Amino acid sequence: MKNQLDKILISYDQPDFEERFIEIRAAVVRATHFGGKDGKEEQLDAILNEVGLRGDEAIAEYTEKFDGVKLTPEEFRIPKKDLESAHKKIDKDLLGSLRQAIKNIRRYQKSIFIGNKLKRGINYTPIRRIGVCVPGASAPLPSTVIMTAVPAQVAGVKEIVVVSPPRHKGTIHPVILAVCYELGIDEVYRIGGAQAVMALAKGTETIRNVDKIVGPGNAWVQMAKKKVLGLVGIDSIAGPSEVLIIANEQANPAWVAADMLSQAEHAPGSAVVFTDSQQLANKVLAELKKQIGQLNRAEEIIKCLENFGGIVVFDDTGDVIDRANVFAAEHLEIQCGENSREIADRIKNAGAIFIGDYSPVAVGDYWAGPSHTLPTGTSARFFSALSANDFIKSTSIIEYSKEKLAESAEDIIRLALAEGLDAHAKSVKIRQNVIARSPD
């Protein structure tokens, strides 16, 4: 079965190279969005409309239908005592690691926050209330809570709401509950999917609406976020997790393969290598075949690499860099020895850049400080990593004196009249007349 991976190795001298290269990226982009012909779009609209019309009743119905858990509206919210209980029972070593991760993220976010830097002409105000979507995967994802809530807290957001589907024994995994308690978040709901997104956006009888929704999730969650944009703000539309590794002959092929597998195990997850070395490409492929046999979910990972993976050999480093900027990956690792930082300086489109052999994606996922909530599916061309700065809004401040308006009045009137807006012009003229009669 491992020989199926031979097909993910492609080289610039193959006649179908361009077609196969384009397909790698297109597959990830398609996985982010609904295709439009399978009825999912209509089903999504129906869910959002029903929640908008019937509120809690619809939430309960969809939770039973999609998650197999029957809840009354009074049971949506996790009691604070359950959060506290989960916190008391968490492994102490794990709690220590979580606390250090929180400390690291908080320190970094404070260092990049612009909201506390006073500037004339603009005011920064924290968003009042936000919602965080935490996926209900088979494994708990406490890091998602940390990487979304801590930046919001640094920005000064006072109300943080967490939603997650009840996939763990009819509720949310206790590790997630423990992290919420550690962060002082006590508004946590055991609901998920598109129905939770609509509940956050519009509000229901028991859930107050928020001003912005952030966090990852499956295609249903992301497409729902796209639909409610305008009712609320969102961070981005995130698809399958992805890593692009730029590597040359100085890279360790075993490490490159391990980093590919760490993303492919998300299933779906995209893992791609760009290199100018055919020899390295062959070694990485061999390492993939070797290491995949040591993993529990080998069959799923192989399928994921077939659908969303690639080892791509280019003619030279310049072509690698140009294509990487077009690829605009979520995570971009650069394992090119002494040339790594120079190459990083030439990357313009990426969610996060990991420089050198000792900076695997996992360091950013859990520990370094930047949020791991990143743009995917080429959207790093226009979206950025989530940060404390995404939880503030700016208000322009304009204050003119009599003298300043007098100095600018004729130009403003002229521009207003050029647009045919005579009332705009008169709003200045009426003041200009008074200014003209004023004593010096």
Protein backbone atom coordinates (compact mmCIF):
# COMPACT_ATOMS: atom_id res chain seq x y z
CA MET A 1 0.00 0.00 0.00
CA LYS A 2 2.94 2.33 0.71
CA ASN A 3 3.85 2.20 -2.99
CA GLN A 4 0.73 4.26 -3.64
CA LEU A 5 2.78 7.20 -2.40
CA ASP A 6 5.06 7.03 -5.46
CA LYS A 7 2.49 9.08 -7.35
CA ILE A 8 2.94 12.12 -5.04
CA LEU A 9 6.49 12.66 -6.35
CA ILE A 10 6.50 14.95 -9.38
CA SER A 11 9.30 16.75 -11.17
CA TYR A 12 9.58 19.81 -13.38
CA ASP A 13 10.79 17.69 -16.33
CA GLN A 14 7.63 15.58 -16.45
CA PRO A 15 5.28 16.50 -19.34
CA ASP A 16 2.23 16.78 -17.05
CA PHE A 17 4.07 18.71 -14.32
CA GLU A 18 2.02 21.92 -14.46
CA GLU A 19 -1.28 20.08 -14.50
CA ARG A 20 -0.33 17.95 -11.50
CA PHE A 21 1.10 20.91 -9.59
CA ILE A 22 -2.10 22.94 -10.06
CA GLU A 23 -4.22 19.98 -8.96
CA ILE A 24 -2.39 19.71 -5.60
CA ARG A 25 -3.41 23.23 -4.66
CA ALA A 26 -6.87 22.99 -6.20
CA ALA A 27 -7.65 19.92 -4.09
CA VAL A 28 -7.04 21.84 -0.86
CA VAL A 29 -9.07 24.83 -2.00
CA ARG A 30 -11.97 22.55 -2.96
CA ALA A 31 -11.89 20.91 0.45
CA THR A 32 -12.38 24.33 2.07
CA HIS A 33 -15.62 25.10 0.24
CA PHE A 34 -18.78 23.30 -0.79
CA GLY A 35 -18.84 22.20 -4.38
CA GLY A 36 -22.25 23.72 -5.04
CA LYS A 37 -23.79 20.70 -6.81
CA ASP A 38 -24.24 18.22 -3.98
CA GLY A 39 -27.06 19.94 -2.11
CA LYS A 40 -24.88 20.96 0.84
CA GLU A 41 -25.35 24.65 0.15
CA GLU A 42 -29.12 24.29 0.29
CA GLN A 43 -28.89 22.20 3.45
CA LEU A 44 -26.67 24.81 5.08
CA ASP A 45 -29.13 27.57 4.21
CA ALA A 46 -31.95 25.51 5.70
CA ILE A 47 -30.05 25.03 8.98
CA LEU A 48 -29.24 28.72 9.28
CA ASN A 49 -32.79 29.76 8.44
CA GLU A 50 -34.32 27.33 10.94
CA VAL A 51 -32.04 28.48 13.74
CA GLY A 52 -32.79 32.08 12.84
CA LEU A 53 -36.54 31.44 12.97
CA ARG A 54 -36.89 28.89 15.77
CA GLY A 55 -33.81 29.49 17.91
CA ASP A 56 -33.25 26.99 20.73
CA GLU A 57 -35.81 24.53 19.38
CA ALA A 58 -33.87 24.18 16.12
CA ILE A 59 -30.52 24.00 17.97
CA ALA A 60 -31.83 21.06 20.01
CA GLU A 61 -33.12 19.27 16.91
CA TYR A 62 -29.86 19.62 14.98
CA THR A 63 -27.75 18.62 17.98
CA GLU A 64 -29.72 15.40 18.24
CA LYS A 65 -29.62 14.83 14.48
CA PHE A 66 -25.93 15.51 13.85
CA ASP A 67 -24.30 14.75 17.20
CA GLY A 68 -26.66 12.10 18.51
CA VAL A 69 -27.19 13.95 21.79
CA LYS A 70 -30.60 14.98 23.07
CA LEU A 71 -30.47 18.24 25.02
CA THR A 72 -32.97 20.74 26.32
CA PRO A 73 -32.07 24.44 25.91
CA GLU A 74 -31.35 24.56 29.65
CA GLU A 75 -28.66 21.90 29.09
CA PHE A 76 -26.82 23.73 26.28
CA ARG A 77 -24.62 25.68 28.69
CA ILE A 78 -22.03 23.80 30.75
CA PRO A 79 -22.50 24.60 34.46
CA LYS A 80 -19.61 26.45 36.06
CA LYS A 81 -19.24 23.67 38.62
CA ASP A 82 -18.49 21.23 35.78
CA LEU A 83 -15.75 23.53 34.50
CA GLU A 84 -14.28 23.72 37.98
CA SER A 85 -14.52 19.95 38.44
CA ALA A 86 -12.71 19.31 35.14
CA HIS A 87 -9.98 21.74 36.20
CA LYS A 88 -9.48 19.96 39.54
CA LYS A 89 -9.18 16.56 37.86
CA ILE A 90 -6.77 17.49 35.08
CA ASP A 91 -3.31 15.92 35.15
CA LYS A 92 -1.02 18.31 37.04
CA ASP A 93 1.87 17.99 34.62
CA LEU A 94 -0.45 18.73 31.70
CA LEU A 95 -1.88 21.71 33.59
CA GLY A 96 1.64 23.01 34.13
CA SER A 97 2.39 22.76 30.40
CA LEU A 98 -0.90 24.46 29.53
CA ARG A 99 -0.15 27.30 31.93
CA GLN A 100 3.28 27.85 30.40
CA ALA A 101 1.78 27.81 26.90
CA ILE A 102 -0.78 30.42 28.01
CA LYS A 103 2.03 32.53 29.45
CA ASN A 104 4.02 32.30 26.20
CA ILE A 105 1.04 33.27 24.03
CA ARG A 106 0.03 36.13 26.33
CA ARG A 107 3.57 37.56 26.34
CA TYR A 108 3.86 37.42 22.55
CA GLN A 109 0.40 38.89 21.93
CA LYS A 110 1.10 41.78 24.29
CA SER A 111 4.34 42.52 22.44
CA ILE A 112 2.57 42.92 19.07
CA PHE A 113 -0.63 44.60 20.28
CA ILE A 114 -1.25 48.03 18.74
CA GLY A 115 -4.33 48.95 20.76
CA ASN A 116 -2.34 50.37 23.65
CA LYS A 117 -0.28 52.64 21.43
CA LEU A 118 -1.95 56.07 21.47
CA LYS A 119 -2.03 57.83 18.12
CA ARG A 120 -3.61 61.11 17.19
CA GLY A 121 -6.58 60.77 14.88
CA ILE A 122 -7.58 57.20 15.77
CA ASN A 123 -9.09 55.38 18.74
CA TYR A 124 -8.86 51.63 19.30
CA THR A 125 -11.72 49.90 21.14
CA PRO A 126 -11.95 46.20 22.09
CA ILE A 127 -14.75 44.18 20.52
CA ARG A 128 -17.44 43.69 23.16
CA ARG A 129 -18.28 39.99 22.83
CA ILE A 130 -16.78 37.18 20.74
CA GLY A 131 -17.56 33.53 20.03
CA VAL A 132 -14.93 30.81 19.72
CA CYS A 133 -15.62 27.62 17.74
CA VAL A 134 -13.70 24.62 19.07
CA PRO A 135 -13.86 21.49 16.89
CA GLY A 136 -15.32 18.36 18.44
CA ALA A 137 -12.71 15.99 17.05
CA SER A 138 -11.97 12.55 18.49
CA ALA A 139 -9.00 14.10 20.30
CA PRO A 140 -9.45 17.19 22.51
CA LEU A 141 -8.12 20.50 21.19
CA PRO A 142 -7.41 22.70 24.23
CA SER A 143 -4.82 24.58 22.18
CA THR A 144 -7.62 26.04 20.05
CA VAL A 145 -9.13 27.68 23.14
CA ILE A 146 -5.76 29.12 24.15
CA MET A 147 -4.83 30.36 20.68
CA THR A 148 -8.12 32.21 20.21
CA ALA A 149 -9.15 33.33 23.69
CA VAL A 150 -5.79 34.59 24.96
CA PRO A 151 -5.31 37.08 22.09
CA ALA A 152 -8.88 38.30 22.70
CA GLN A 153 -8.16 38.76 26.41
CA VAL A 154 -4.97 40.70 25.63
CA ALA A 155 -7.07 43.00 23.42
CA GLY A 156 -9.47 43.65 26.29
CA VAL A 157 -12.48 41.61 25.16
CA LYS A 158 -14.68 41.19 28.22
CA GLU A 159 -17.09 38.47 27.06
CA ILE A 160 -15.80 35.27 25.45
CA VAL A 161 -18.19 32.46 24.51
CA VAL A 162 -16.97 28.97 23.62
CA VAL A 163 -19.03 26.49 21.59
CA SER A 164 -18.07 22.90 20.84
CA PRO A 165 -20.16 19.88 19.79
CA PRO A 166 -20.94 17.26 22.49
CA ARG A 167 -18.78 14.50 21.05
CA HIS A 168 -17.27 13.30 24.35
CA LYS A 169 -19.85 11.22 26.22
CA GLY A 170 -22.57 13.71 25.35
CA THR A 171 -20.59 16.75 26.45
CA ILE A 172 -17.30 18.58 25.78
CA HIS A 173 -13.97 16.94 26.57
CA PRO A 174 -12.88 17.74 30.15
CA VAL A 175 -9.48 19.06 29.05
CA ILE A 176 -11.21 21.78 27.02
CA LEU A 177 -13.46 22.57 29.98
CA ALA A 178 -10.42 22.77 32.26
CA VAL A 179 -8.67 25.24 29.95
CA CYS A 180 -11.80 27.40 29.81
CA TYR A 181 -11.86 27.49 33.62
CA GLU A 182 -8.12 28.29 33.74
CA LEU A 183 -8.72 31.26 31.44
CA GLY A 184 -11.75 32.48 33.38
CA ILE A 185 -14.22 31.62 30.59
CA ASP A 186 -17.49 30.39 32.05
CA GLU A 187 -19.89 30.75 29.13
CA VAL A 188 -19.40 27.43 27.36
CA TYR A 189 -22.06 25.69 25.24
CA ARG A 190 -22.13 22.03 24.14
CA ILE A 191 -23.37 22.80 20.63
CA GLY A 192 -21.49 22.81 17.35
CA GLY A 193 -21.70 22.90 13.59
CA ALA A 194 -23.51 25.45 11.46
CA GLN A 195 -26.28 25.69 14.06
CA ALA A 196 -23.82 26.96 16.68
CA VAL A 197 -22.44 29.55 14.27
CA MET A 198 -25.94 30.91 13.61
CA ALA A 199 -26.75 30.91 17.33
CA LEU A 200 -23.66 33.03 17.95
CA ALA A 201 -24.40 35.35 15.03
CA LYS A 202 -28.07 36.04 15.66
CA GLY A 203 -28.69 34.84 19.20
CA THR A 204 -31.40 32.55 20.57
CA GLU A 205 -33.58 32.51 23.65
CA THR A 206 -30.68 31.22 25.77
CA ILE A 207 -27.59 32.35 23.82
CA ARG A 208 -26.84 36.04 23.34
CA ASN A 209 -25.37 37.03 20.01
CA VAL A 210 -21.72 37.98 19.65
CA ASP A 211 -19.91 40.58 17.54
CA LYS A 212 -17.23 38.33 16.03
CA ILE A 213 -16.77 34.58 15.51
CA VAL A 214 -13.34 32.97 15.35
CA GLY A 215 -11.88 29.50 15.34
CA PRO A 216 -11.51 26.44 13.11
CA GLY A 217 -13.99 23.74 12.18
CA ASN A 218 -15.16 21.56 9.33
CA ALA A 219 -16.56 22.84 6.04
CA TRP A 220 -20.03 23.27 7.58
CA VAL A 221 -18.67 25.59 10.25
CA GLN A 222 -16.52 27.56 7.83
CA MET A 223 -19.23 27.96 5.21
CA ALA A 224 -21.65 29.03 7.95
CA LYS A 225 -19.14 31.66 9.06
CA LYS A 226 -18.99 32.90 5.49
CA LYS A 227 -22.80 33.13 5.35
CA VAL A 228 -23.12 35.14 8.58
CA LEU A 229 -20.34 37.58 7.71
CA GLY A 230 -22.02 40.97 7.91
CA LEU A 231 -24.20 40.01 10.86
CA VAL A 232 -20.89 39.49 12.68
CA GLY A 233 -17.21 39.69 11.91
CA ILE A 234 -15.14 36.53 11.34
CA ASP A 235 -11.44 35.72 11.39
CA SER A 236 -11.15 33.86 8.07
CA ILE A 237 -12.54 30.86 6.21
CA ALA A 238 -10.25 28.02 7.20
CA GLY A 239 -9.94 24.74 5.34
CA PRO A 240 -7.84 21.64 6.00
CA SER A 241 -4.61 22.20 7.90
CA GLU A 242 -1.61 22.44 5.61
CA VAL A 243 2.16 22.61 5.58
CA LEU A 244 4.48 23.53 2.75
CA ILE A 245 8.13 22.61 3.37
CA ILE A 246 10.86 24.26 1.34
CA ALA A 247 13.90 21.99 1.61
CA ASN A 248 17.23 21.59 -0.14
CA GLU A 249 20.06 19.06 0.01
CA GLN A 250 21.02 20.34 3.48
CA ALA A 251 17.69 19.18 4.97
CA ASN A 252 17.25 16.02 7.01
CA PRO A 253 14.86 13.87 4.93
CA ALA A 254 13.61 12.00 8.00
CA TRP A 255 12.60 15.27 9.65
CA VAL A 256 10.93 16.56 6.51
CA ALA A 257 8.92 13.35 6.23
CA ALA A 258 7.93 13.52 9.91
CA ASP A 259 6.68 17.08 9.45
CA MET A 260 4.63 16.04 6.43
CA LEU A 261 3.01 13.23 8.43
CA SER A 262 2.23 15.55 11.33
CA GLN A 263 -0.12 17.50 9.07
CA ALA A 264 -1.46 14.56 7.08
CA GLU A 265 -2.68 12.92 10.29
CA HIS A 266 -5.32 15.65 10.57
CA ALA A 267 -7.07 13.72 7.78
CA PRO A 268 -7.73 15.88 5.92
CA GLY A 269 -4.48 17.75 6.03
CA SER A 270 -2.21 18.91 3.24
CA ALA A 271 1.52 18.21 3.29
CA VAL A 272 3.72 19.36 0.40
CA VAL A 273 7.47 19.64 -0.14
CA PHE A 274 9.10 22.03 -2.62
CA THR A 275 12.75 21.29 -3.40
CA ASP A 276 15.36 21.80 -6.10
CA SER A 277 17.02 18.46 -5.24
CA GLN A 278 15.81 15.24 -6.85
CA GLN A 279 18.01 13.29 -4.47
CA LEU A 280 16.37 14.85 -1.41
CA ALA A 281 12.92 14.25 -2.90
CA ASN A 282 13.67 10.53 -3.32
CA LYS A 283 14.96 10.30 0.25
CA VAL A 284 11.90 12.05 1.67
CA LEU A 285 9.61 9.64 -0.19
CA ALA A 286 11.55 6.69 1.20
CA GLU A 287 11.29 8.11 4.71
CA LEU A 288 7.54 8.60 4.33
CA LYS A 289 7.11 4.95 3.44
CA LYS A 290 9.27 3.92 6.38
CA GLN A 291 7.67 6.16 9.02
CA ILE A 292 4.08 5.70 7.98
CA GLY A 293 4.29 2.04 8.94
CA GLN A 294 4.88 3.13 12.54
CA LEU A 295 1.66 5.15 12.77
CA ASN A 296 -1.73 3.96 14.00
CA ARG A 297 -3.79 5.43 11.18
CA ALA A 298 -1.50 4.61 8.27
CA GLU A 299 -4.30 3.90 5.79
CA GLU A 300 -6.03 7.22 6.42
CA ILE A 301 -2.75 9.14 6.23
CA ILE A 302 -1.76 7.52 2.93
CA LYS A 303 -5.12 8.48 1.47
CA CYS A 304 -4.69 12.01 2.76
CA LEU A 305 -1.24 12.32 1.17
CA GLU A 306 -2.62 10.98 -2.10
CA ASN A 307 -5.40 13.59 -2.12
CA PHE A 308 -3.64 16.61 -0.63
CA GLY A 309 0.10 15.86 -0.66
CA GLY A 310 3.06 16.18 -2.95
CA ILE A 311 6.84 16.16 -3.22
CA VAL A 312 7.58 18.63 -5.99
CA VAL A 313 10.99 19.01 -7.61
CA PHE A 314 11.70 22.36 -9.29
CA ASP A 315 14.51 23.47 -11.54
CA ASP A 316 16.04 25.97 -9.12
CA THR A 317 15.59 27.80 -5.82
CA GLY A 318 14.15 30.89 -7.47
CA ASP A 319 11.33 28.82 -8.96
CA VAL A 320 10.71 27.22 -5.55
CA ILE A 321 10.30 30.64 -3.91
CA ASP A 322 8.08 32.02 -6.67
CA ARG A 323 5.79 28.99 -6.51
CA ALA A 324 5.71 29.12 -2.70
CA ASN A 325 4.40 32.69 -2.85
CA VAL A 326 1.67 31.58 -5.24
CA PHE A 327 0.89 28.59 -2.99
CA ALA A 328 0.39 30.93 0.02
CA ALA A 329 0.45 28.11 2.55
CA GLU A 330 -0.90 28.14 6.09
CA HIS A 331 2.34 26.81 7.60
CA LEU A 332 5.58 27.30 5.67
CA GLU A 333 8.68 25.51 6.92
CA ILE A 334 12.08 26.36 5.49
CA GLN A 335 14.71 23.66 6.00
CA CYS A 336 17.56 24.89 3.84
CA GLY A 337 20.47 25.04 6.29
CA GLU A 338 22.39 28.31 6.24
CA ASN A 339 20.16 29.64 3.46
CA SER A 340 16.92 29.32 5.45
CA ARG A 341 16.66 32.89 6.72
CA GLU A 342 17.58 34.40 3.35
CA ILE A 343 14.80 32.38 1.71
CA ALA A 344 12.35 33.38 4.47
CA ASP A 345 13.00 37.04 3.69
CA ARG A 346 11.76 36.43 0.14
CA ILE A 347 8.46 34.84 1.20
CA LYS A 348 5.55 37.27 0.95
CA ASN A 349 2.52 34.96 1.29
CA ALA A 350 2.26 32.55 4.22
CA GLY A 351 0.22 32.26 7.41
CA ALA A 352 3.29 31.51 9.53
CA ILE A 353 6.92 30.87 8.60
CA PHE A 354 9.02 28.32 10.50
CA ILE A 355 12.72 28.90 9.89
CA GLY A 356 15.37 26.20 10.25
CA ASP A 357 15.57 22.53 11.12
CA TYR A 358 14.49 23.00 14.72
CA SER A 359 11.24 24.89 14.12
CA PRO A 360 8.57 22.28 13.32
CA VAL A 361 4.94 23.35 13.04
CA ALA A 362 4.20 21.77 16.43
CA VAL A 363 6.25 24.53 18.11
CA GLY A 364 3.86 27.10 16.69
CA ASP A 365 0.78 24.96 17.29
CA TYR A 366 1.33 24.86 21.03
CA TRP A 367 4.12 26.96 22.38
CA ALA A 368 5.95 29.78 20.61
CA GLY A 369 3.41 32.61 21.01
CA PRO A 370 1.79 33.43 17.64
CA SER A 371 -1.73 32.02 17.30
CA HIS A 372 -2.06 28.80 15.34
CA THR A 373 -5.35 30.06 13.89
CA LEU A 374 -4.03 30.80 10.40
CA PRO A 375 -5.33 31.40 6.87
CA THR A 376 -5.50 28.35 4.59
CA GLY A 377 -6.30 27.51 0.98
CA THR A 378 -4.21 30.38 -0.55
CA SER A 379 -6.04 32.94 1.62
CA ALA A 380 -2.71 33.95 3.19
CA ARG A 381 -2.56 36.28 0.18
CA PHE A 382 -5.06 38.53 1.97
CA PHE A 383 -5.77 37.09 5.46
CA SER A 384 -3.34 37.10 8.39
CA ALA A 385 -2.66 35.02 11.46
CA LEU A 386 -5.18 35.67 14.22
CA SER A 387 -3.78 38.05 16.82
CA ALA A 388 -4.80 40.43 19.58
CA ASN A 389 -5.12 43.11 16.89
CA ASP A 390 -8.09 41.25 15.37
CA PHE A 391 -10.15 41.88 18.48
CA ILE A 392 -10.09 45.66 18.37
CA LYS A 393 -11.79 48.07 16.03
CA SER A 394 -10.57 51.51 15.11
CA THR A 395 -12.55 54.74 15.07
CA SER A 396 -11.26 57.74 13.15
CA ILE A 397 -11.14 60.99 15.15
CA ILE A 398 -11.57 64.29 13.26
CA GLU A 399 -11.51 67.64 15.04
CA TYR A 400 -11.11 70.89 13.06
CA SER A 401 -10.77 74.36 14.47
CA LYS A 402 -12.41 77.48 12.99
CA GLU A 403 -9.08 78.47 11.51
CA LYS A 404 -8.40 75.05 9.99
CA LEU A 405 -11.84 74.86 8.37
CA ALA A 406 -11.41 78.38 6.95
CA GLU A 407 -8.12 77.31 5.42
CA SER A 408 -9.64 74.23 3.74
CA ALA A 409 -13.22 75.36 3.01
CA GLU A 410 -12.87 76.31 -0.66
CA ASP A 411 -11.20 73.00 -1.54
CA ILE A 412 -13.85 70.97 0.29
CA ILE A 413 -16.68 72.93 -1.39
CA ARG A 414 -15.08 72.48 -4.79
CA LEU A 415 -14.79 68.69 -4.31
CA ALA A 416 -18.37 68.39 -3.08
CA LEU A 417 -19.73 70.32 -6.06
CA ALA A 418 -17.67 68.18 -8.44
CA GLU A 419 -19.64 65.21 -7.14
CA GLY A 420 -22.95 67.06 -7.45
CA LEU A 421 -23.50 67.06 -3.69
CA ASP A 422 -24.52 70.64 -3.08
CA ALA A 423 -25.83 69.95 0.43
CA HIS A 424 -22.35 68.78 1.37
CA ALA A 425 -20.94 72.02 -0.01
CA LYS A 426 -23.52 74.13 1.80
CA SER A 427 -22.72 72.44 5.14
CA VAL A 428 -19.28 74.03 4.80
CA LYS A 429 -20.48 77.33 3.26
CA ILE A 430 -22.86 77.98 6.16
CA ARG A 431 -19.90 77.89 8.51
CA GLN A 432 -17.69 79.80 6.11
CA ASN A 433 -20.11 82.72 6.21
CA VAL A 434 -19.97 82.85 10.00
CA ILE A 435 -16.19 82.58 9.96
CA ALA A 436 -15.99 85.48 7.49
CA ARG A 437 -18.03 87.72 9.84
CA SER A 438 -16.03 86.75 12.92
CA PRO A 439 -13.56 89.28 14.29
CA ASP A 440 -9.93 88.22 14.03
